[in-house]
PDB file of N, CA and C in Angstrom:
ATOM      1  N   MET A   1      11.487 -24.741  21.157  1.00  0.00           N
ATOM      2  CA  MET A   1      11.963 -23.551  21.983  1.00  0.00           C
ATOM      3  C   MET A   1      12.916 -22.869  21.127  1.00  0.00           C
ATOM      4  N   ASP A   2      12.518 -21.656  21.547  1.00  0.00           N
ATOM      5  CA  ASP A   2      13.384 -20.459  20.807  1.00  0.00           C
ATOM      6  C   ASP A   2      14.302 -19.670  21.797  1.00  0.00           C
ATOM      7  N   TYR A   3      15.616 -20.017  21.402  1.00  0.00           N
ATOM      8  CA  TYR A   3      16.634 -19.809  22.379  1.00  0.00           C
ATOM      9  C   TYR A   3      17.392 -18.325  21.974  1.00  0.00           C
ATOM     10  N   GLU A   4      16.845 -17.837  20.928  1.00  0.00           N
ATOM     11  CA  GLU A   4      17.661 -16.602  20.377  1.00  0.00           C
ATOM     12  C   GLU A   4      17.225 -15.510  21.354  1.00  0.00           C
ATOM     13  N   PRO A   5      15.922 -15.366  21.940  1.00  0.00           N
ATOM     14  CA  PRO A   5      16.140 -14.221  23.186  1.00  0.00           C
ATOM     15  C   PRO A   5      16.621 -14.225  24.406  1.00  0.00           C
ATOM     16  N   ILE A   6      16.679 -15.470  24.883  1.00  0.00           N
ATOM     17  CA  ILE A   6      17.702 -15.998  26.019  1.00  0.00           C
ATOM     18  C   ILE A   6      18.802 -15.696  25.656  1.00  0.00           C
ATOM     19  N   ASP A   7      19.657 -15.899  24.456  1.00  0.00           N
ATOM     20  CA  ASP A   7      20.845 -15.605  24.213  1.00  0.00           C
ATOM     21  C   ASP A   7      21.278 -13.820  23.896  1.00  0.00           C
ATOM     22  N   LYS A   8      20.266 -13.490  23.451  1.00  0.00           N
ATOM     23  CA  LYS A   8      20.171 -11.972  23.153  1.00  0.00           C
ATOM     24  C   LYS A   8      20.383 -11.477  24.667  1.00  0.00           C
ATOM     25  N   TYR A   9      19.379 -12.021  25.104  1.00  0.00           N
ATOM     26  CA  TYR A   9      19.292 -11.548  26.810  1.00  0.00           C
ATOM     27  C   TYR A   9      20.608 -11.719  27.621  1.00  0.00           C
ATOM     28  N   ARG A  10      21.166 -12.714  27.734  1.00  0.00           N
ATOM     29  CA  ARG A  10      22.501 -13.120  27.853  1.00  0.00           C
ATOM     30  C   ARG A  10      23.694 -12.069  27.718  1.00  0.00           C
ATOM     31  N   LEU A  11      23.533 -11.868  26.238  1.00  0.00           N
ATOM     32  CA  LEU A  11      24.586 -11.083  25.789  1.00  0.00           C
ATOM     33  C   LEU A  11      24.295  -9.423  26.188  1.00  0.00           C
ATOM     34  N   ASP A  12      23.515  -8.935  26.356  1.00  0.00           N
ATOM     35  CA  ASP A  12      22.913  -7.834  27.017  1.00  0.00           C
ATOM     36  C   ASP A  12      23.540  -7.621  28.574  1.00  0.00           C
ATOM     37  N   ILE A  13      23.307  -8.722  28.728  1.00  0.00           N
ATOM     38  CA  ILE A  13      23.576  -8.573  30.515  1.00  0.00           C
ATOM     39  C   ILE A  13      25.380  -8.519  30.653  1.00  0.00           C
ATOM     40  N   LYS A  14      26.141  -9.214  29.750  1.00  0.00           N
ATOM     41  CA  LYS A  14      27.741  -9.235  29.828  1.00  0.00           C
ATOM     42  C   LYS A  14      28.063  -8.122  29.230  1.00  0.00           C
ATOM     43  N   GLU A  15      27.260  -7.664  28.180  1.00  0.00           N
ATOM     44  CA  GLU A  15      27.771  -6.204  28.180  1.00  0.00           C
ATOM     45  C   GLU A  15      27.500  -5.065  29.106  1.00  0.00           C
ATOM     46  N   ARG A  16      26.481  -5.248  30.074  1.00  0.00           N
ATOM     47  CA  ARG A  16      26.343  -4.481  30.853  1.00  0.00           C
ATOM     48  C   ARG A  16      27.358  -4.423  32.028  1.00  0.00           C
ATOM     49  N   LEU A  17      27.672  -5.882  32.368  1.00  0.00           N
ATOM     50  CA  LEU A  17      28.516  -6.203  33.279  1.00  0.00           C
ATOM     51  C   LEU A  17      29.927  -5.656  32.804  1.00  0.00           C
ATOM     52  N   THR A  18      30.075  -5.587  31.642  1.00  0.00           N
ATOM     53  CA  THR A  18      31.531  -5.135  31.248  1.00  0.00           C
ATOM     54  C   THR A  18      31.602  -3.683  31.113  1.00  0.00           C
ATOM     55  N   ARG A  19      30.584  -2.940  31.091  1.00  0.00           N
ATOM     56  CA  ARG A  19      30.540  -1.366  31.214  1.00  0.00           C
ATOM     57  C   ARG A  19      30.686  -0.963  32.658  1.00  0.00           C
ATOM     58  N   ILE A  20      30.059  -1.839  33.317  1.00  0.00           N
ATOM     59  CA  ILE A  20      30.064  -1.541  34.897  1.00  0.00           C
ATOM     60  C   ILE A  20      31.521  -1.551  35.512  1.00  0.00           C
ATOM     61  N   GLU A  21      32.162  -2.884  35.139  1.00  0.00           N
ATOM     62  CA  GLU A  21      33.432  -3.066  35.229  1.00  0.00           C
ATOM     63  C   GLU A  21      34.556  -1.965  34.976  1.00  0.00           C
ATOM     64  N   THR A  22      34.308  -1.618  33.636  1.00  0.00           N
ATOM     65  CA  THR A  22      35.204  -0.647  33.161  1.00  0.00           C
ATOM     66  C   THR A  22      34.856   0.764  33.931  1.00  0.00           C
ATOM     67  N   ILE A  23      33.717   1.057  34.277  1.00  0.00           N
ATOM     68  CA  ILE A  23      33.585   2.282  35.137  1.00  0.00           C
ATOM     69  C   ILE A  23      34.143   2.086  36.328  1.00  0.00           C
ATOM     70  N   LEU A  24      33.827   1.099  37.149  1.00  0.00           N
ATOM     71  CA  LEU A  24      34.875   0.684  38.274  1.00  0.00           C
ATOM     72  C   LEU A  24      36.046   0.602  38.273  1.00  0.00           C
ATOM     73  N   HIS A  25      36.680   0.355  37.464  1.00  0.00           N
ATOM     74  CA  HIS A  25      38.114   0.611  37.384  1.00  0.00           C
ATOM     75  C   HIS A  25      38.725   1.802  37.342  1.00  0.00           C
ATOM     76  N   ARG A  26      37.797   2.330  36.457  1.00  0.00           N
ATOM     77  CA  ARG A  26      38.014   3.760  35.791  1.00  0.00           C
ATOM     78  C   ARG A  26      38.013   4.849  37.323  1.00  0.00           C
ATOM     79  N   GLU A  27      36.703   4.574  38.175  1.00  0.00           N
ATOM     80  CA  GLU A  27      36.419   5.506  39.007  1.00  0.00           C
ATOM     81  C   GLU A  27      36.859   5.059  40.400  1.00  0.00           C
ATOM     82  N   LEU A  28      37.043   3.790  40.457  1.00  0.00           N
ATOM     83  CA  LEU A  28      37.307   3.384  42.001  1.00  0.00           C
ATOM     84  C   LEU A  28      38.340   4.244  42.926  1.00  0.00           C
ATOM     85  N   PRO A  29      39.781   4.266  42.180  1.00  0.00           N
ATOM     86  CA  PRO A  29      40.454   4.715  42.728  1.00  0.00           C
ATOM     87  C   PRO A  29      40.074   6.225  43.076  1.00  0.00           C
ATOM     88  N   ASP A  30      39.434   6.821  42.463  1.00  0.00           N
ATOM     89  CA  ASP A  30      39.171   8.385  42.886  1.00  0.00           C
ATOM     90  C   ASP A  30      38.122   8.336  43.988  1.00  0.00           C
ATOM     91  N   ILE A  31      37.061   7.297  43.535  1.00  0.00           N
ATOM     92  CA  ILE A  31      35.973   7.207  44.892  1.00  0.00           C
ATOM     93  C   ILE A  31      36.712   7.205  46.307  1.00  0.00           C
ATOM     94  N   LYS A  32      37.761   5.946  46.217  1.00  0.00           N
ATOM     95  CA  LYS A  32      38.719   5.788  47.441  1.00  0.00           C
ATOM     96  C   LYS A  32      39.402   7.087  47.987  1.00  0.00           C
ATOM     97  N   GLU A  33      39.918   7.635  47.080  1.00  0.00           N
ATOM     98  CA  GLU A  33      40.528   8.992  47.636  1.00  0.00           C
ATOM     99  C   GLU A  33      39.606   9.761  48.054  1.00  0.00           C
ATOM    100  N   GLN A  34      38.394  10.129  47.605  1.00  0.00           N
ATOM    101  CA  GLN A  34      37.518  11.381  48.171  1.00  0.00           C
ATOM    102  C   GLN A  34      36.889  10.724  49.272  1.00  0.00           C
ATOM    103  N   LEU A  35      36.666   9.240  49.661  1.00  0.00           N
ATOM    104  CA  LEU A  35      36.219   8.805  50.687  1.00  0.00           C
ATOM    105  C   LEU A  35      37.694   8.775  51.953  1.00  0.00           C
ATOM    106  N   HIS A  36      38.649   8.529  51.720  1.00  0.00           N
ATOM    107  CA  HIS A  36      39.819   9.079  52.185  1.00  0.00           C
ATOM    108  C   HIS A  36      39.650  10.457  52.942  1.00  0.00           C
ATOM    109  N   LEU A  37      39.489  11.489  51.939  1.00  0.00           N
ATOM    110  CA  LEU A  37      39.476  12.644  52.729  1.00  0.00           C
ATOM    111  C   LEU A  37      38.309  12.722  53.249  1.00  0.00           C
ATOM    112  N   SER A  38      37.212  12.350  53.059  1.00  0.00           N
ATOM    113  CA  SER A  38      35.951  12.884  53.749  1.00  0.00           C
ATOM    114  C   SER A  38      35.828  12.272  55.261  1.00  0.00           C
ATOM    115  N   ASN A  39      36.743  10.991  55.450  1.00  0.00           N
ATOM    116  CA  ASN A  39      36.685  10.275  56.563  1.00  0.00           C
ATOM    117  C   ASN A  39      37.678  11.165  57.513  1.00  0.00           C
ATOM    118  N   GLY A  40      38.878  12.142  56.820  1.00  0.00           N
ATOM    119  CA  GLY A  40      39.915  12.976  57.565  1.00  0.00           C
ATOM    120  C   GLY A  40      39.180  14.086  58.189  1.00  0.00           C
ATOM    121  N   ARG A  41      38.280  14.874  57.068  1.00  0.00           N
ATOM    122  CA  ARG A  41      37.549  15.764  57.240  1.00  0.00           C
ATOM    123  C   ARG A  41      36.720  15.315  58.955  1.00  0.00           C
ATOM    124  N   THR A  42      35.858  14.740  58.985  1.00  0.00           N
ATOM    125  CA  THR A  42      34.935  14.057  59.880  1.00  0.00           C
ATOM    126  C   THR A  42      35.647  13.694  60.999  1.00  0.00           C
ATOM    127  N   ARG A  43      37.126  12.917  61.041  1.00  0.00           N
ATOM    128  CA  ARG A  43      37.680  12.847  62.255  1.00  0.00           C
ATOM    129  C   ARG A  43      38.342  14.150  62.730  1.00  0.00           C
ATOM    130  N   SER A  44      38.307  15.104  62.048  1.00  0.00           N
ATOM    131  CA  SER A  44      39.083  16.247  62.221  1.00  0.00           C
ATOM    132  C   SER A  44      37.810  17.288  63.193  1.00  0.00           C
ATOM    133  N   LEU A  45      36.597  17.008  62.684  1.00  0.00           N
ATOM    134  CA  LEU A  45      35.444  17.659  63.487  1.00  0.00           C
ATOM    135  C   LEU A  45      34.992  16.909  64.659  1.00  0.00           C
ATOM    136  N   GLU A  46      35.417  15.581  64.707  1.00  0.00           N
ATOM    137  CA  GLU A  46      35.018  14.825  65.830  1.00  0.00           C
ATOM    138  C   GLU A  46      35.815  15.634  67.056  1.00  0.00           C
ATOM    139  N   ASN A  47      37.068  15.390  66.475  1.00  0.00           N
ATOM    140  CA  ASN A  47      38.238  15.748  67.685  1.00  0.00           C
ATOM    141  C   ASN A  47      38.007  17.122  67.934  1.00  0.00           C
ATOM    142  N   TRP A  48      37.641  18.037  67.159  1.00  0.00           N
ATOM    143  CA  TRP A  48      37.268  19.441  67.814  1.00  0.00           C
ATOM    144  C   TRP A  48      36.043  19.324  68.711  1.00  0.00           C
ATOM    145  N   ARG A  49      35.072  18.715  68.363  1.00  0.00           N
ATOM    146  CA  ARG A  49      33.701  18.531  69.177  1.00  0.00           C
ATOM    147  C   ARG A  49      34.068  18.051  70.566  1.00  0.00           C
ATOM    148  N   SER A  50      34.912  17.118  70.787  1.00  0.00           N
ATOM    149  CA  SER A  50      35.393  16.424  71.742  1.00  0.00           C
ATOM    150  C   SER A  50      36.246  17.234  72.804  1.00  0.00           C
ATOM    151  N   TYR A  51      36.859  18.104  71.825  1.00  0.00           N
ATOM    152  CA  TYR A  51      37.939  19.173  72.892  1.00  0.00           C
ATOM    153  C   TYR A  51      36.939  20.236  73.301  1.00  0.00           C
ATOM    154  N   MET A  52      35.832  20.711  72.369  1.00  0.00           N
ATOM    155  CA  MET A  52      35.020  21.788  73.013  1.00  0.00           C
ATOM    156  C   MET A  52      34.373  20.926  73.960  1.00  0.00           C
ATOM    157  N   LEU A  53      33.659  19.775  74.051  1.00  0.00           N
ATOM    158  CA  LEU A  53      32.691  19.091  74.965  1.00  0.00           C
ATOM    159  C   LEU A  53      33.720  19.096  76.327  1.00  0.00           C
ATOM    160  N   GLY A  54      35.130  18.802  76.379  1.00  0.00           N
ATOM    161  CA  GLY A  54      35.889  18.633  77.276  1.00  0.00           C
ATOM    162  C   GLY A  54      36.320  19.817  77.838  1.00  0.00           C
ATOM    163  N   GLY A  55      36.387  20.991  77.186  1.00  0.00           N
ATOM    164  CA  GLY A  55      36.617  22.307  77.769  1.00  0.00           C
ATOM    165  C   GLY A  55      35.250  22.575  78.603  1.00  0.00           C
ATOM    166  N   MET A  56      34.128  22.631  78.125  1.00  0.00           N
ATOM    167  CA  MET A  56      33.036  23.095  78.487  1.00  0.00           C
ATOM    168  C   MET A  56      32.558  22.071  80.204  1.00  0.00           C
ATOM    169  N   ALA A  57      32.806  20.764  79.889  1.00  0.00           N
ATOM    170  CA  ALA A  57      33.021  20.111  81.083  1.00  0.00           C
ATOM    171  C   ALA A  57      33.910  20.731  82.119  1.00  0.00           C
ATOM    172  N   LEU A  58      35.078  20.900  81.802  1.00  0.00           N
ATOM    173  CA  LEU A  58      36.034  21.573  82.962  1.00  0.00           C
ATOM    174  C   LEU A  58      35.446  23.004  83.496  1.00  0.00           C
ATOM    175  N   LEU A  59      34.820  23.707  82.682  1.00  0.00           N
ATOM    176  CA  LEU A  59      34.403  25.162  83.255  1.00  0.00           C
ATOM    177  C   LEU A  59      33.472  24.810  84.079  1.00  0.00           C
ATOM    178  N   THR A  60      32.557  24.047  83.662  1.00  0.00           N
ATOM    179  CA  THR A  60      31.541  23.465  84.674  1.00  0.00           C
ATOM    180  C   THR A  60      31.634  22.948  86.101  1.00  0.00           C
ATOM    181  N   PHE A  61      32.905  22.210  85.730  1.00  0.00           N
ATOM    182  CA  PHE A  61      33.468  21.731  86.942  1.00  0.00           C
ATOM    183  C   PHE A  61      34.221  22.309  87.644  1.00  0.00           C
ATOM    184  N   LEU A  62      34.844  23.398  87.317  1.00  0.00           N
ATOM    185  CA  LEU A  62      35.415  24.450  87.801  1.00  0.00           C
ATOM    186  C   LEU A  62      34.372  25.566  88.590  1.00  0.00           C
ATOM    187  N   PHE A  63      33.500  26.004  87.855  1.00  0.00           N
ATOM    188  CA  PHE A  63      32.402  26.973  88.629  1.00  0.00           C
ATOM    189  C   PHE A  63      31.766  26.374  89.425  1.00  0.00           C
ATOM    190  N   GLY A  64      31.508  25.039  89.408  1.00  0.00           N
ATOM    191  CA  GLY A  64      30.894  24.288  90.439  1.00  0.00           C
ATOM    192  C   GLY A  64      31.720  24.135  91.638  1.00  0.00           C
ATOM    193  N   ILE A  65      32.971  24.265  91.609  1.00  0.00           N
ATOM    194  CA  ILE A  65      33.991  24.229  92.713  1.00  0.00           C
ATOM    195  C   ILE A  65      34.179  25.580  93.575  1.00  0.00           C
ATOM    196  N   LEU A  66      34.008  26.476  92.722  1.00  0.00           N
ATOM    197  CA  LEU A  66      34.253  27.833  92.688  1.00  0.00           C
ATOM    198  C   LEU A  66      32.957  28.524  93.534  1.00  0.00           C
ATOM    199  N   LYS A  67      31.668  27.927  93.276  1.00  0.00           N
ATOM    200  CA  LYS A  67      30.403  28.144  93.988  1.00  0.00           C
ATOM    201  C   LYS A  67      30.328  28.056  95.213  1.00  0.00           C
TER     202      LYS A  67
END
């Protein structure tokens, strides 16, 4: 059996994993920071939506009582 292609394949896989790990270690903190900022924006938009829906519900209730 010829084991050279298998060894070459394994070496290639190890090199790929090393490159991926290097990229992750370099980029992961930045990705986490961007995710944190995005979650904050989403939370503020959801809060604004809740306030608007609550205000509209209050107006609907008040107009229902006055009618």
